[in-house]
């Protein structure tokens, strides 16, 4: 992972590159939009959100999950990390992660977007 200007770049191979604009949604090279995940609790600290994104993305991708769905895992884990104070260590659980990804995959109604 490297920081260039206002963007974090996670390059896992020549096939997948993810750029994460600061405080914004992330996009895949194919210009596939990956929605931001809503934090499950109030945001208290953004430290570790990028690391959580990278860890969840890589965990899913290395397990054979397609890149777009792997990025959803990253978005959910990153949002969760923002709810944990930097003085405490807590990781999102597998079931909570799966549920968050499922919520992001549901189609949104136009009046709620």
Protein backbone atom coordinates (compact mmCIF):
# COMPACT_ATOMS: atom_id res chain seq x y z
CA UNK A 1 0.00 0.00 0.00
CA UNK A 2 1.32 3.45 -0.81
CA UNK A 3 0.06 6.99 -0.39
CA UNK A 4 0.15 9.27 -3.42
CA UNK A 5 -1.21 12.77 -2.96
CA UNK A 6 -4.71 12.34 -1.59
CA UNK A 7 -5.10 8.65 -2.48
CA UNK A 8 -4.05 5.35 -0.94
CA UNK A 9 -3.21 2.68 -3.53
CA UNK A 10 -3.34 -1.02 -2.76
CA UNK A 11 -1.82 -3.10 -5.53
CA UNK A 12 -2.18 -6.83 -5.03
CA UNK A 13 -0.99 -7.85 -8.50
CA UNK A 14 -0.94 -6.62 -12.07
CA UNK A 15 -4.60 -7.70 -12.30
CA UNK A 16 -6.07 -5.79 -9.37
CA UNK A 17 -5.37 -2.25 -8.19
CA UNK A 18 -7.53 -0.34 -5.76
CA UNK A 19 -7.27 3.37 -5.17
CA UNK A 20 -8.94 4.72 -2.05
CA UNK A 21 -9.55 8.47 -2.19
CA UNK A 22 -9.40 10.01 1.26
CA UNK A 23 -12.87 10.10 2.89
CA UNK A 24 -14.58 8.87 -0.27
CA UNK A 25 -15.77 5.73 -2.02
CA UNK A 26 -13.21 3.42 -3.64
CA UNK A 27 -13.09 2.40 -7.29
CA UNK A 28 -11.64 -0.58 -9.12
CA UNK A 29 -9.63 -0.18 -12.38
CA UNK A 30 -12.62 -1.30 -14.46
CA UNK A 31 -14.38 1.77 -13.01
CA UNK A 32 -16.66 -0.44 -10.98
CA UNK A 33 -18.19 1.60 -8.19
CA UNK A 34 -17.81 0.18 -4.72
CA UNK A 35 -20.25 1.85 -2.33
CA UNK A 36 -19.10 3.19 1.00
CA UNK A 37 -20.37 1.04 3.84
CA UNK A 38 -22.27 2.81 6.60
CA UNK A 39 -20.54 2.45 9.96
CA UNK A 40 -22.53 0.20 12.33
CA UNK A 41 -21.98 2.62 15.24
CA UNK A 42 -20.96 6.29 15.55
CA UNK A 43 -17.56 7.08 14.04
CA UNK A 44 -14.99 7.75 16.76
CA UNK A 45 -11.61 7.31 15.04
CA UNK A 46 -10.51 6.64 11.45
CA UNK A 47 -7.12 5.21 12.46
CA UNK A 48 -6.81 1.71 11.06
CA UNK A 49 -9.64 1.99 8.51
CA UNK A 50 -7.27 1.59 5.54
CA UNK A 51 -5.52 -1.35 7.17
CA UNK A 52 -8.89 -2.99 7.89
CA UNK A 53 -9.95 -2.42 4.27
CA UNK A 54 -6.74 -3.98 2.97
CA UNK A 55 -6.89 -6.94 5.34
CA UNK A 56 -10.53 -7.77 4.55
CA UNK A 57 -10.04 -7.25 0.81
CA UNK A 58 -7.00 -9.52 0.72
CA UNK A 59 -8.62 -12.14 2.94
CA UNK A 60 -11.61 -12.39 0.61
CA UNK A 61 -9.61 -12.11 -2.63
CA UNK A 62 -7.03 -14.72 -1.63
CA UNK A 63 -9.94 -17.02 -0.73
CA UNK A 64 -11.11 -16.80 -4.37
CA UNK A 65 -13.72 -14.05 -4.04
CA UNK A 66 -14.02 -11.83 -7.15
CA UNK A 67 -12.37 -8.38 -6.84
CA UNK A 68 -15.61 -6.37 -6.63
CA UNK A 69 -17.03 -8.51 -3.83
CA UNK A 70 -13.62 -8.50 -2.10
CA UNK A 71 -13.75 -4.69 -2.16
CA UNK A 72 -17.16 -4.84 -0.47
CA UNK A 73 -15.53 -6.85 2.32
CA UNK A 74 -12.91 -4.11 2.59
CA UNK A 75 -15.52 -1.34 2.69
CA UNK A 76 -17.44 -3.04 5.49
CA UNK A 77 -14.31 -3.74 7.55
CA UNK A 78 -13.02 -0.19 7.05
CA UNK A 79 -16.33 1.29 8.20
CA UNK A 80 -16.32 -0.96 11.26
CA UNK A 81 -12.77 0.11 12.12
CA UNK A 82 -13.93 3.74 12.29
CA UNK A 83 -16.15 2.82 15.24
CA UNK A 84 -13.27 1.54 17.38
CA UNK A 85 -11.21 4.04 19.42
CA UNK A 86 -7.47 3.86 18.69
CA UNK A 87 -6.90 2.94 22.34
CA UNK A 88 -8.73 -0.36 21.83
CA UNK A 89 -8.18 -3.28 19.47
CA UNK A 90 -11.28 -4.93 18.03
CA UNK A 91 -11.83 -6.72 14.74
CA UNK A 92 -15.10 -7.23 12.93
CA UNK A 93 -16.44 -10.77 13.25
CA UNK A 94 -16.92 -13.04 10.24
CA UNK A 95 -20.73 -13.11 10.52
CA UNK A 96 -20.97 -9.34 10.94
CA UNK A 97 -18.69 -8.90 7.91
CA UNK A 98 -20.83 -11.25 5.79
CA UNK A 99 -24.01 -9.45 6.86
CA UNK A 100 -22.51 -6.06 5.98
CA UNK A 101 -21.49 -7.28 2.52
CA UNK A 102 -24.98 -8.70 1.97
CA UNK A 103 -26.50 -5.29 2.87
CA UNK A 104 -24.24 -3.54 0.34
CA UNK A 105 -25.20 -6.04 -2.36
CA UNK A 106 -28.95 -5.39 -1.99
CA UNK A 107 -30.34 -3.13 -4.69
CA UNK A 108 -31.20 0.35 -3.46
CA UNK A 109 -34.53 1.94 -4.18
CA UNK A 110 -34.13 5.19 -6.14
CA UNK A 111 -35.83 7.23 -3.40
CA UNK A 112 -33.38 5.97 -0.72
CA UNK A 113 -30.09 6.36 -2.63
